[in-house]
């Protein structure tokens, strides 16, 4: 463990103990081994959040934004597009990053091949997709056999494993993209959508996040709590939106809810747990992204640290 990590681990461990003894009991981590596992998961979560926040300052190769190149990376591509003054494309790439996810073996293949129209030299970029969602859906249906070709690893990421490539299905990728396009274009653009939410929230980053989160829930198909949370949180980390999650929305979750009940030692109401988690996050000086990610991963294996794998 690096010296900086050791210092942070010590502060987190002390903070958990102080909170448990002086504010609210945390019986789920009375065992020092279990407490240490939670601290290790928090450290790993801090690293993931910090990595995304550092991306806008990194030196990036143009190949990262080329879908015909296997080194393509959607978040790095988003940063490259933003640097080039193509902010709308950056938002779109973050959406695709969340919708497709990263497959354990195939990596970003589904996203790369859909975005790059199977290496044709053209792209289903924001301009072409938002201008004609019906054409995008028709292309998906025609291209699905090639996208799903056997013998080549590919697929949706673990958190999106129940999604479909279908363009015509009412719950497939075509419908999801169509609903997302409607959500954004109703405001005029991604920039306008964010600007309106921030203005309506009086500049409060938490309130703006919540407004967008609830608006997205009402409008974008197949984007549950985690997808909405990840999408909006990533916009904040990349500097695309002045928003941050002020809640874990634990009542709409599975893993985080189980983790919260394990941590606090009882089947408390979700709203109460959500409030306590915000309180705990402030006491530890970590944001909701770190706490949400760490508690979800910790509850899967409380006694042994198991690194997260996308």
C-alpha atoms as a PDB file:
ATOM      1  CA  UNK A   1       0.000   0.000   0.000  1.00  0.00           C
ATOM      2  CA  UNK A   2       1.325   3.417  -0.961  1.00  0.00           C
ATOM      3  CA  UNK A   3       2.099   5.908   1.867  1.00  0.00           C
ATOM      4  CA  UNK A   4      -0.741   8.171   0.749  1.00  0.00           C
ATOM      5  CA  UNK A   5      -3.130   5.209   0.818  1.00  0.00           C
ATOM      6  CA  UNK A   6      -1.932   4.194   4.265  1.00  0.00           C
ATOM      7  CA  UNK A   7      -2.643   7.689   5.580  1.00  0.00           C
ATOM      8  CA  UNK A   8      -6.110   7.746   4.013  1.00  0.00           C
ATOM      9  CA  UNK A   9      -6.854   4.211   5.226  1.00  0.00           C
ATOM     10  CA  UNK A  10      -5.915   5.264   8.758  1.00  0.00           C
ATOM     11  CA  UNK A  11      -8.185   8.318   8.586  1.00  0.00           C
ATOM     12  CA  UNK A  12     -11.103   6.295   7.194  1.00  0.00           C
ATOM     13  CA  UNK A  13     -10.715   3.589   9.823  1.00  0.00           C
ATOM     14  CA  UNK A  14     -10.543   6.182  12.624  1.00  0.00           C
ATOM     15  CA  UNK A  15     -13.513   8.028  11.133  1.00  0.00           C
ATOM     16  CA  UNK A  16     -15.638   4.890  11.005  1.00  0.00           C
ATOM     17  CA  UNK A  17     -14.837   4.076  14.612  1.00  0.00           C
ATOM     18  CA  UNK A  18     -15.525   7.650  15.763  1.00  0.00           C
ATOM     19  CA  UNK A  19     -18.861   7.705  13.941  1.00  0.00           C
ATOM     20  CA  UNK A  20     -19.845   4.317  15.342  1.00  0.00           C
ATOM     21  CA  UNK A  21     -18.958   5.309  18.894  1.00  0.00           C
ATOM     22  CA  UNK A  22     -20.153   8.894  18.900  1.00  0.00           C
ATOM     23  CA  UNK A  23     -22.929   9.273  16.325  1.00  0.00           C
ATOM     24  CA  UNK A  24     -24.571   6.018  15.291  1.00  0.00           C
ATOM     25  CA  UNK A  25     -23.590   2.413  15.803  1.00  0.00           C
ATOM     26  CA  UNK A  26     -22.123   0.464  12.893  1.00  0.00           C
ATOM     27  CA  UNK A  27     -22.406  -3.127  14.153  1.00  0.00           C
ATOM     28  CA  UNK A  28     -21.662  -4.491  10.695  1.00  0.00           C
ATOM     29  CA  UNK A  29     -18.009  -3.502  11.076  1.00  0.00           C
ATOM     30  CA  UNK A  30     -17.435  -4.302  14.744  1.00  0.00           C
ATOM     31  CA  UNK A  31     -15.068  -7.024  13.556  1.00  0.00           C
ATOM     32  CA  UNK A  32     -11.721  -5.298  12.752  1.00  0.00           C
ATOM     33  CA  UNK A  33     -11.175  -7.572   9.752  1.00  0.00           C
ATOM     34  CA  UNK A  34     -14.557  -6.667   8.242  1.00  0.00           C
ATOM     35  CA  UNK A  35     -13.930  -2.988   8.963  1.00  0.00           C
ATOM     36  CA  UNK A  36     -10.575  -3.193   7.176  1.00  0.00           C
ATOM     37  CA  UNK A  37     -12.213  -4.805   4.136  1.00  0.00           C
ATOM     38  CA  UNK A  38     -14.678  -1.902   3.940  1.00  0.00           C
ATOM     39  CA  UNK A  39     -11.786   0.564   4.188  1.00  0.00           C
ATOM     40  CA  UNK A  40      -9.975  -1.248   1.357  1.00  0.00           C
ATOM     41  CA  UNK A  41     -13.093  -1.064  -0.800  1.00  0.00           C
ATOM     42  CA  UNK A  42     -13.341   2.651  -0.046  1.00  0.00           C
ATOM     43  CA  UNK A  43      -9.720   3.161  -1.103  1.00  0.00           C
ATOM     44  CA  UNK A  44     -10.372   1.326  -4.372  1.00  0.00           C
ATOM     45  CA  UNK A  45     -13.451   3.498  -4.957  1.00  0.00           C
ATOM     46  CA  UNK A  46     -11.467   6.672  -4.267  1.00  0.00           C
ATOM     47  CA  UNK A  47      -8.946   5.599  -6.911  1.00  0.00           C
ATOM     48  CA  UNK A  48     -11.688   5.008  -9.507  1.00  0.00           C
ATOM     49  CA  UNK A  49     -13.281   8.394  -8.854  1.00  0.00           C
ATOM     50  CA  UNK A  50      -9.940  10.207  -8.891  1.00  0.00           C
ATOM     51  CA  UNK A  51      -8.941   8.508 -12.149  1.00  0.00           C
ATOM     52  CA  UNK A  52     -12.042   9.827 -13.925  1.00  0.00           C
ATOM     53  CA  UNK A  53     -11.462  13.314 -12.529  1.00  0.00           C
ATOM     54  CA  UNK A  54      -7.871  13.282 -13.789  1.00  0.00           C
ATOM     55  CA  UNK A  55      -8.844  12.262 -17.333  1.00  0.00           C
ATOM     56  CA  UNK A  56      -9.503  15.830 -18.585  1.00  0.00           C
ATOM     57  CA  UNK A  57      -5.883  16.763 -17.769  1.00  0.00           C
ATOM     58  CA  UNK A  58      -4.260  13.650 -19.261  1.00  0.00           C
ATOM     59  CA  UNK A  59      -2.331  13.507 -22.507  1.00  0.00           C
ATOM     60  CA  UNK A  60      -4.432  11.285 -24.777  1.00  0.00           C
ATOM     61  CA  UNK A  61      -3.665   9.612 -28.081  1.00  0.00           C
ATOM     62  CA  UNK A  62      -6.122  10.286 -30.933  1.00  0.00           C
ATOM     63  CA  UNK A  63      -6.513   6.499 -31.326  1.00  0.00           C
ATOM     64  CA  UNK A  64      -8.581   6.533 -28.144  1.00  0.00           C
ATOM     65  CA  UNK A  65     -11.356   8.295 -30.061  1.00  0.00           C
ATOM     66  CA  UNK A  66     -11.177   6.116 -33.195  1.00  0.00           C
ATOM     67  CA  UNK A  67     -13.790   3.315 -33.064  1.00  0.00           C
ATOM     68  CA  UNK A  68     -11.945   1.292 -35.733  1.00  0.00           C
ATOM     69  CA  UNK A  69      -8.992   1.023 -33.331  1.00  0.00           C
ATOM     70  CA  UNK A  70      -9.151  -1.632 -30.589  1.00  0.00           C
ATOM     71  CA  UNK A  71      -7.556   0.921 -28.234  1.00  0.00           C
ATOM     72  CA  UNK A  72     -10.730   3.026 -28.390  1.00  0.00           C
ATOM     73  CA  UNK A  73     -11.922   4.149 -24.960  1.00  0.00           C
ATOM     74  CA  UNK A  74     -15.282   5.973 -24.676  1.00  0.00           C
ATOM     75  CA  UNK A  75     -14.347   8.187 -21.718  1.00  0.00           C
ATOM     76  CA  UNK A  76     -11.035   9.213 -23.231  1.00  0.00           C
ATOM     77  CA  UNK A  77     -12.874   9.776 -26.505  1.00  0.00           C
ATOM     78  CA  UNK A  78     -15.330  12.030 -24.655  1.00  0.00           C
ATOM     79  CA  UNK A  79     -12.458  14.117 -23.291  1.00  0.00           C
ATOM     80  CA  UNK A  80     -10.889  14.362 -26.766  1.00  0.00           C
ATOM     81  CA  UNK A  81     -14.204  15.474 -28.265  1.00  0.00           C
ATOM     82  CA  UNK A  82     -14.692  18.054 -25.518  1.00  0.00           C
ATOM     83  CA  UNK A  83     -11.214  19.454 -26.125  1.00  0.00           C
ATOM     84  CA  UNK A  84     -12.093  19.779 -29.790  1.00  0.00           C
ATOM     85  CA  UNK A  85     -15.150  21.880 -28.979  1.00  0.00           C
ATOM     86  CA  UNK A  86     -17.605  19.040 -29.598  1.00  0.00           C
ATOM     87  CA  UNK A  87     -19.306  18.968 -26.229  1.00  0.00           C
ATOM     88  CA  UNK A  88     -22.524  17.358 -27.447  1.00  0.00           C
ATOM     89  CA  UNK A  89     -20.504  14.403 -28.725  1.00  0.00           C
ATOM     90  CA  UNK A  90     -18.788  14.099 -25.349  1.00  0.00           C
ATOM     91  CA  UNK A  91     -22.148  13.755 -23.573  1.00  0.00           C
ATOM     92  CA  UNK A  92     -23.235  11.150 -26.135  1.00  0.00           C
ATOM     93  CA  UNK A  93     -20.110   9.061 -25.580  1.00  0.00           C
ATOM     94  CA  UNK A  94     -20.696   9.055 -21.822  1.00  0.00           C
ATOM     95  CA  UNK A  95     -24.235   7.822 -22.444  1.00  0.00           C
ATOM     96  CA  UNK A  96     -22.938   5.021 -24.693  1.00  0.00           C
ATOM     97  CA  UNK A  97     -20.288   4.179 -22.083  1.00  0.00           C
ATOM     98  CA  UNK A  98     -23.029   3.568 -19.507  1.00  0.00           C
ATOM     99  CA  UNK A  99     -25.547   1.915 -21.829  1.00  0.00           C
ATOM    100  CA  UNK A 100     -23.191  -0.715 -23.238  1.00  0.00           C
ATOM    101  CA  UNK A 101     -20.738  -1.083 -20.363  1.00  0.00           C
ATOM    102  CA  UNK A 102     -17.445  -2.915 -20.706  1.00  0.00           C
ATOM    103  CA  UNK A 103     -17.617  -6.656 -21.331  1.00  0.00           C
ATOM    104  CA  UNK A 104     -15.247  -8.804 -19.264  1.00  0.00           C
ATOM    105  CA  UNK A 105     -13.700 -10.399 -22.371  1.00  0.00           C
ATOM    106  CA  UNK A 106     -14.814  -8.286 -25.307  1.00  0.00           C
ATOM    107  CA  UNK A 107     -14.085  -4.931 -23.716  1.00  0.00           C
ATOM    108  CA  UNK A 108     -15.728  -2.053 -25.581  1.00  0.00           C
ATOM    109  CA  UNK A 109     -16.401  -4.049 -28.770  1.00  0.00           C
ATOM    110  CA  UNK A 110     -20.186  -3.585 -28.818  1.00  0.00           C
ATOM    111  CA  UNK A 111     -19.874   0.138 -28.215  1.00  0.00           C
ATOM    112  CA  UNK A 112     -17.014   0.523 -30.718  1.00  0.00           C
ATOM    113  CA  UNK A 113     -18.775  -1.360 -33.480  1.00  0.00           C
ATOM    114  CA  UNK A 114     -22.142   0.330 -33.020  1.00  0.00           C
ATOM    115  CA  UNK A 115     -20.616   3.802 -32.714  1.00  0.00           C
ATOM    116  CA  UNK A 116     -18.280   3.142 -35.665  1.00  0.00           C
ATOM    117  CA  UNK A 117     -20.939   1.422 -37.801  1.00  0.00           C
ATOM    118  CA  UNK A 118     -18.923  -1.784 -37.940  1.00  0.00           C
ATOM    119  CA  UNK A 119     -15.770  -0.057 -39.148  1.00  0.00           C
ATOM    120  CA  UNK A 120     -17.418   1.528 -42.184  1.00  0.00           C
ATOM    121  CA  UNK A 121     -15.673   4.855 -41.683  1.00  0.00           C
ATOM    122  CA  UNK A 122     -18.958   6.521 -40.734  1.00  0.00           C
ATOM    123  CA  UNK A 123     -20.260   6.906 -37.188  1.00  0.00           C
ATOM    124  CA  UNK A 124     -23.482   6.854 -35.301  1.00  0.00           C
ATOM    125  CA  UNK A 125     -22.394  10.072 -33.647  1.00  0.00           C
ATOM    126  CA  UNK A 126     -24.736  12.420 -31.807  1.00  0.00           C
ATOM    127  CA  UNK A 127     -25.547  14.488 -34.891  1.00  0.00           C
ATOM    128  CA  UNK A 128     -26.548  11.526 -37.085  1.00  0.00           C
ATOM    129  CA  UNK A 129     -28.330   9.557 -34.353  1.00  0.00           C
ATOM    130  CA  UNK A 130     -30.320  12.459 -32.938  1.00  0.00           C
ATOM    131  CA  UNK A 131     -31.276  13.593 -36.455  1.00  0.00           C
ATOM    132  CA  UNK A 132     -32.703  10.190 -37.419  1.00  0.00           C
ATOM    133  CA  UNK A 133     -33.257   7.704 -34.551  1.00  0.00           C
ATOM    134  CA  UNK A 134     -35.395   5.557 -36.878  1.00  0.00           C
ATOM    135  CA  UNK A 135     -32.422   5.053 -39.204  1.00  0.00           C
ATOM    136  CA  UNK A 136     -30.284   4.093 -36.228  1.00  0.00           C
ATOM    137  CA  UNK A 137     -32.861   1.509 -35.163  1.00  0.00           C
ATOM    138  CA  UNK A 138     -33.087   0.080 -38.687  1.00  0.00           C
ATOM    139  CA  UNK A 139     -29.281  -0.168 -38.880  1.00  0.00           C
ATOM    140  CA  UNK A 140     -29.195  -2.014 -35.549  1.00  0.00           C
ATOM    141  CA  UNK A 141     -31.697  -4.596 -36.771  1.00  0.00           C
ATOM    142  CA  UNK A 142     -29.794  -5.113 -40.018  1.00  0.00           C
ATOM    143  CA  UNK A 143     -26.417  -5.275 -38.238  1.00  0.00           C
ATOM    144  CA  UNK A 144     -27.344  -7.341 -35.183  1.00  0.00           C
ATOM    145  CA  UNK A 145     -26.195 -10.700 -36.681  1.00  0.00           C
ATOM    146  CA  UNK A 146     -22.769  -9.246 -37.433  1.00  0.00           C
ATOM    147  CA  UNK A 147     -22.519  -7.538 -34.038  1.00  0.00           C
ATOM    148  CA  UNK A 148     -23.420 -10.814 -32.310  1.00  0.00           C
ATOM    149  CA  UNK A 149     -21.153 -12.964 -34.498  1.00  0.00           C
ATOM    150  CA  UNK A 150     -19.924 -16.133 -32.840  1.00  0.00           C
ATOM    151  CA  UNK A 151     -16.332 -16.749 -31.868  1.00  0.00           C
ATOM    152  CA  UNK A 152     -15.600 -13.083 -31.162  1.00  0.00           C
ATOM    153  CA  UNK A 153     -15.873 -11.982 -27.521  1.00  0.00           C
ATOM    154  CA  UNK A 154     -18.336  -9.202 -26.989  1.00  0.00           C
ATOM    155  CA  UNK A 155     -21.418  -8.204 -25.107  1.00  0.00           C
ATOM    156  CA  UNK A 156     -22.791  -5.739 -22.616  1.00  0.00           C
ATOM    157  CA  UNK A 157     -20.992  -5.034 -19.353  1.00  0.00           C
ATOM    158  CA  UNK A 158     -21.897  -6.851 -16.146  1.00  0.00           C
ATOM    159  CA  UNK A 159     -24.283  -4.152 -14.929  1.00  0.00           C
ATOM    160  CA  UNK A 160     -26.017  -4.104 -18.339  1.00  0.00           C
ATOM    161  CA  UNK A 161     -26.055  -7.824 -19.069  1.00  0.00           C
ATOM    162  CA  UNK A 162     -29.829  -7.965 -19.552  1.00  0.00           C
ATOM    163  CA  UNK A 163     -29.840  -5.384 -22.355  1.00  0.00           C
ATOM    164  CA  UNK A 164     -30.505  -6.168 -26.019  1.00  0.00           C
ATOM    165  CA  UNK A 165     -28.966  -4.944 -29.276  1.00  0.00           C
ATOM    166  CA  UNK A 166     -32.349  -4.993 -31.001  1.00  0.00           C
ATOM    167  CA  UNK A 167     -33.395  -1.930 -32.932  1.00  0.00           C
ATOM    168  CA  UNK A 168     -37.081  -2.837 -33.237  1.00  0.00           C
ATOM    169  CA  UNK A 169     -37.781  -4.272 -29.778  1.00  0.00           C
ATOM    170  CA  UNK A 170     -39.677  -2.013 -27.385  1.00  0.00           C
ATOM    171  CA  UNK A 171     -36.951  -2.562 -24.790  1.00  0.00           C
ATOM    172  CA  UNK A 172     -33.853  -2.915 -27.006  1.00  0.00           C
ATOM    173  CA  UNK A 173     -30.956  -0.559 -27.620  1.00  0.00           C
ATOM    174  CA  UNK A 174     -32.875   1.219 -30.378  1.00  0.00           C
ATOM    175  CA  UNK A 175     -35.718   2.103 -28.025  1.00  0.00           C
ATOM    176  CA  UNK A 176     -33.326   3.130 -25.240  1.00  0.00           C
ATOM    177  CA  UNK A 177     -31.411   5.427 -27.575  1.00  0.00           C
ATOM    178  CA  UNK A 178     -34.648   6.848 -28.972  1.00  0.00           C
ATOM    179  CA  UNK A 179     -35.893   7.718 -25.498  1.00  0.00           C
ATOM    180  CA  UNK A 180     -32.546   9.312 -24.620  1.00  0.00           C
ATOM    181  CA  UNK A 181     -32.613  11.414 -27.800  1.00  0.00           C
ATOM    182  CA  UNK A 182     -36.143  12.580 -26.933  1.00  0.00           C
ATOM    183  CA  UNK A 183     -35.063  13.496 -23.386  1.00  0.00           C
ATOM    184  CA  UNK A 184     -32.158  15.609 -24.582  1.00  0.00           C
ATOM    185  CA  UNK A 185     -33.686  17.228 -27.662  1.00  0.00           C
ATOM    186  CA  UNK A 186     -36.742  18.308 -25.690  1.00  0.00           C
ATOM    187  CA  UNK A 187     -34.384  20.770 -23.978  1.00  0.00           C
ATOM    188  CA  UNK A 188     -32.626  21.588 -27.245  1.00  0.00           C
ATOM    189  CA  UNK A 189     -29.226  20.098 -26.424  1.00  0.00           C
ATOM    190  CA  UNK A 190     -27.232  18.413 -23.673  1.00  0.00           C
ATOM    191  CA  UNK A 191     -25.748  21.757 -22.684  1.00  0.00           C
ATOM    192  CA  UNK A 192     -29.191  23.346 -22.403  1.00  0.00           C
ATOM    193  CA  UNK A 193     -30.522  20.376 -20.424  1.00  0.00           C
ATOM    194  CA  UNK A 194     -27.751  20.705 -17.850  1.00  0.00           C
ATOM    195  CA  UNK A 195     -27.872  24.499 -17.781  1.00  0.00           C
ATOM    196  CA  UNK A 196     -31.617  24.471 -17.100  1.00  0.00           C
ATOM    197  CA  UNK A 197     -31.274  21.935 -14.275  1.00  0.00           C
ATOM    198  CA  UNK A 198     -28.460  23.887 -12.609  1.00  0.00           C
ATOM    199  CA  UNK A 199     -30.420  27.149 -12.931  1.00  0.00           C
ATOM    200  CA  UNK A 200     -33.600  25.583 -11.538  1.00  0.00           C
ATOM    201  CA  UNK A 201     -31.553  24.266  -8.610  1.00  0.00           C
ATOM    202  CA  UNK A 202     -30.133  27.713  -7.879  1.00  0.00           C
ATOM    203  CA  UNK A 203     -26.634  26.427  -8.578  1.00  0.00           C
ATOM    204  CA  UNK A 204     -26.834  23.690  -5.940  1.00  0.00           C
ATOM    205  CA  UNK A 205     -24.844  20.749  -7.363  1.00  0.00           C
ATOM    206  CA  UNK A 206     -26.750  18.146  -5.320  1.00  0.00           C
ATOM    207  CA  UNK A 207     -30.157  19.538  -6.219  1.00  0.00           C
ATOM    208  CA  UNK A 208     -29.241  19.801  -9.912  1.00  0.00           C
ATOM    209  CA  UNK A 209     -28.097  16.167  -9.894  1.00  0.00           C
ATOM    210  CA  UNK A 210     -31.358  15.114  -8.262  1.00  0.00           C
ATOM    211  CA  UNK A 211     -33.474  17.018 -10.788  1.00  0.00           C
ATOM    212  CA  UNK A 212     -31.663  15.375 -13.684  1.00  0.00           C
ATOM    213  CA  UNK A 213     -31.789  11.968 -12.005  1.00  0.00           C
ATOM    214  CA  UNK A 214     -35.567  12.154 -11.589  1.00  0.00           C
ATOM    215  CA  UNK A 215     -36.120  13.607 -15.059  1.00  0.00           C
ATOM    216  CA  UNK A 216     -34.071  10.804 -16.580  1.00  0.00           C
ATOM    217  CA  UNK A 217     -36.044   8.218 -14.602  1.00  0.00           C
ATOM    218  CA  UNK A 218     -39.261   9.489 -16.150  1.00  0.00           C
ATOM    219  CA  UNK A 219     -37.946   9.683 -19.712  1.00  0.00           C
ATOM    220  CA  UNK A 220     -35.098   7.270 -20.510  1.00  0.00           C
ATOM    221  CA  UNK A 221     -35.979   3.605 -20.923  1.00  0.00           C
ATOM    222  CA  UNK A 222     -33.986   0.844 -19.223  1.00  0.00           C
ATOM    223  CA  UNK A 223     -31.899   3.316 -17.218  1.00  0.00           C
ATOM    224  CA  UNK A 224     -32.382   2.225 -13.636  1.00  0.00           C
ATOM    225  CA  UNK A 225     -30.901   3.707 -10.491  1.00  0.00           C
ATOM    226  CA  UNK A 226     -27.336   2.584 -11.155  1.00  0.00           C
ATOM    227  CA  UNK A 227     -27.272   3.626 -14.811  1.00  0.00           C
ATOM    228  CA  UNK A 228     -28.663   7.077 -14.010  1.00  0.00           C
ATOM    229  CA  UNK A 229     -26.330   7.477 -11.041  1.00  0.00           C
ATOM    230  CA  UNK A 230     -23.277   6.416 -13.080  1.00  0.00           C
ATOM    231  CA  UNK A 231     -24.159   8.554 -16.100  1.00  0.00           C
ATOM    232  CA  UNK A 232     -24.775  11.758 -14.163  1.00  0.00           C
ATOM    233  CA  UNK A 233     -21.864  11.203 -11.774  1.00  0.00           C
ATOM    234  CA  UNK A 234     -19.513  10.713 -14.736  1.00  0.00           C
ATOM    235  CA  UNK A 235     -20.676  13.986 -16.286  1.00  0.00           C
ATOM    236  CA  UNK A 236     -19.628  15.682 -13.049  1.00  0.00           C
ATOM    237  CA  UNK A 237     -16.273  13.915 -12.862  1.00  0.00           C
ATOM    238  CA  UNK A 238     -15.360  14.804 -16.438  1.00  0.00           C
ATOM    239  CA  UNK A 239     -16.348  18.423 -15.949  1.00  0.00           C
ATOM    240  CA  UNK A 240     -19.267  18.235 -18.378  1.00  0.00           C
ATOM    241  CA  UNK A 241     -21.779  19.286 -15.721  1.00  0.00           C
ATOM    242  CA  UNK A 242     -21.561  21.103 -12.407  1.00  0.00           C
ATOM    243  CA  UNK A 243     -23.409  18.377 -10.524  1.00  0.00           C
ATOM    244  CA  UNK A 244     -22.677  15.827  -7.787  1.00  0.00           C
ATOM    245  CA  UNK A 245     -24.828  13.127  -6.160  1.00  0.00           C
ATOM    246  CA  UNK A 246     -26.024  14.123  -2.718  1.00  0.00           C
ATOM    247  CA  UNK A 247     -27.685  10.777  -2.081  1.00  0.00           C
ATOM    248  CA  UNK A 248     -27.141   7.096  -2.830  1.00  0.00           C
ATOM    249  CA  UNK A 249     -30.849   6.634  -3.717  1.00  0.00           C
ATOM    250  CA  UNK A 250     -30.532   3.498  -1.657  1.00  0.00           C
ATOM    251  CA  UNK A 251     -34.261   2.765  -1.678  1.00  0.00           C
ATOM    252  CA  UNK A 252     -34.084   2.031  -5.402  1.00  0.00           C
ATOM    253  CA  UNK A 253     -31.023  -0.207  -5.108  1.00  0.00           C
ATOM    254  CA  UNK A 254     -30.232  -3.828  -4.306  1.00  0.00           C
ATOM    255  CA  UNK A 255     -26.535  -4.148  -3.436  1.00  0.00           C
ATOM    256  CA  UNK A 256     -26.170  -0.764  -1.712  1.00  0.00           C
ATOM    257  CA  UNK A 257     -29.371  -1.365   0.263  1.00  0.00           C
ATOM    258  CA  UNK A 258     -28.100  -4.747   1.451  1.00  0.00           C
ATOM    259  CA  UNK A 259     -24.779  -3.150   2.295  1.00  0.00           C
ATOM    260  CA  UNK A 260     -26.399  -0.316   4.248  1.00  0.00           C
ATOM    261  CA  UNK A 261     -28.524  -2.733   6.264  1.00  0.00           C
ATOM    262  CA  UNK A 262     -25.468  -4.874   6.968  1.00  0.00           C
ATOM    263  CA  UNK A 263     -23.464  -1.827   8.015  1.00  0.00           C
ATOM    264  CA  UNK A 264     -26.119  -0.333  10.309  1.00  0.00           C
ATOM    265  CA  UNK A 265     -27.276  -3.715  11.555  1.00  0.00           C
ATOM    266  CA  UNK A 266     -30.974  -3.847  10.793  1.00  0.00           C
ATOM    267  CA  UNK A 267     -33.780  -3.601   8.266  1.00  0.00           C
ATOM    268  CA  UNK A 268     -34.244   0.123   8.709  1.00  0.00           C
ATOM    269  CA  UNK A 269     -36.413   2.097   6.247  1.00  0.00           C
ATOM    270  CA  UNK A 270     -34.547   3.029   3.087  1.00  0.00           C
ATOM    271  CA  UNK A 271     -35.133   6.764   3.541  1.00  0.00           C
ATOM    272  CA  UNK A 272     -33.599   6.619   6.988  1.00  0.00           C
ATOM    273  CA  UNK A 273     -30.627   4.642   5.716  1.00  0.00           C
ATOM    274  CA  UNK A 274     -30.125   7.132   2.906  1.00  0.00           C
ATOM    275  CA  UNK A 275     -30.027   9.991   5.400  1.00  0.00           C
ATOM    276  CA  UNK A 276     -27.563   8.126   7.617  1.00  0.00           C
ATOM    277  CA  UNK A 277     -25.307   7.388   4.649  1.00  0.00           C
ATOM    278  CA  UNK A 278     -25.186  11.075   3.730  1.00  0.00           C
ATOM    279  CA  UNK A 279     -24.303  11.790   7.354  1.00  0.00           C
ATOM    280  CA  UNK A 280     -21.583   9.117   7.298  1.00  0.00           C
ATOM    281  CA  UNK A 281     -20.172  10.400   4.018  1.00  0.00           C
ATOM    282  CA  UNK A 282     -19.812  13.871   5.492  1.00  0.00           C
ATOM    283  CA  UNK A 283     -18.172  12.500   8.631  1.00  0.00           C
ATOM    284  CA  UNK A 284     -15.619  10.615   6.525  1.00  0.00           C
ATOM    285  CA  UNK A 285     -15.188  13.450   3.990  1.00  0.00           C
ATOM    286  CA  UNK A 286     -15.997  11.148   1.075  1.00  0.00           C
ATOM    287  CA  UNK A 287     -18.669  11.717  -1.534  1.00  0.00           C
ATOM    288  CA  UNK A 288     -21.666   9.558  -2.316  1.00  0.00           C
ATOM    289  CA  UNK A 289     -19.916   8.039  -5.336  1.00  0.00           C
ATOM    290  CA  UNK A 290     -17.170   6.578  -3.169  1.00  0.00           C
ATOM    291  CA  UNK A 291     -19.556   5.370  -0.486  1.00  0.00           C
ATOM    292  CA  UNK A 292     -22.073   3.881  -2.940  1.00  0.00           C
ATOM    293  CA  UNK A 293     -19.415   1.974  -4.855  1.00  0.00           C
ATOM    294  CA  UNK A 294     -17.565   0.782  -1.748  1.00  0.00           C
ATOM    295  CA  UNK A 295     -20.606  -0.418   0.196  1.00  0.00           C
ATOM    296  CA  UNK A 296     -22.022  -2.229  -2.835  1.00  0.00           C
ATOM    297  CA  UNK A 297     -18.756  -4.115  -3.411  1.00  0.00           C
ATOM    298  CA  UNK A 298     -18.119  -4.699   0.308  1.00  0.00           C
ATOM    299  CA  UNK A 299     -21.470  -6.386   0.982  1.00  0.00           C
ATOM    300  CA  UNK A 300     -20.661  -9.078  -1.582  1.00  0.00           C
ATOM    301  CA  UNK A 301     -17.680 -10.258   0.484  1.00  0.00           C
ATOM    302  CA  UNK A 302     -17.524  -8.493   3.867  1.00  0.00           C
ATOM    303  CA  UNK A 303     -14.711 -10.608   5.306  1.00  0.00           C
ATOM    304  CA  UNK A 304     -12.355 -10.785   2.320  1.00  0.00           C
ATOM    305  CA  UNK A 305     -11.365  -7.961  -0.015  1.00  0.00           C
ATOM    306  CA  UNK A 306     -12.382  -8.827  -3.582  1.00  0.00           C
ATOM    307  CA  UNK A 307     -11.389  -6.218  -6.203  1.00  0.00           C
ATOM    308  CA  UNK A 308     -14.174  -4.889  -8.372  1.00  0.00           C
ATOM    309  CA  UNK A 309     -14.173  -6.193 -11.933  1.00  0.00           C
ATOM    310  CA  UNK A 310     -16.306  -4.414 -14.546  1.00  0.00           C
END
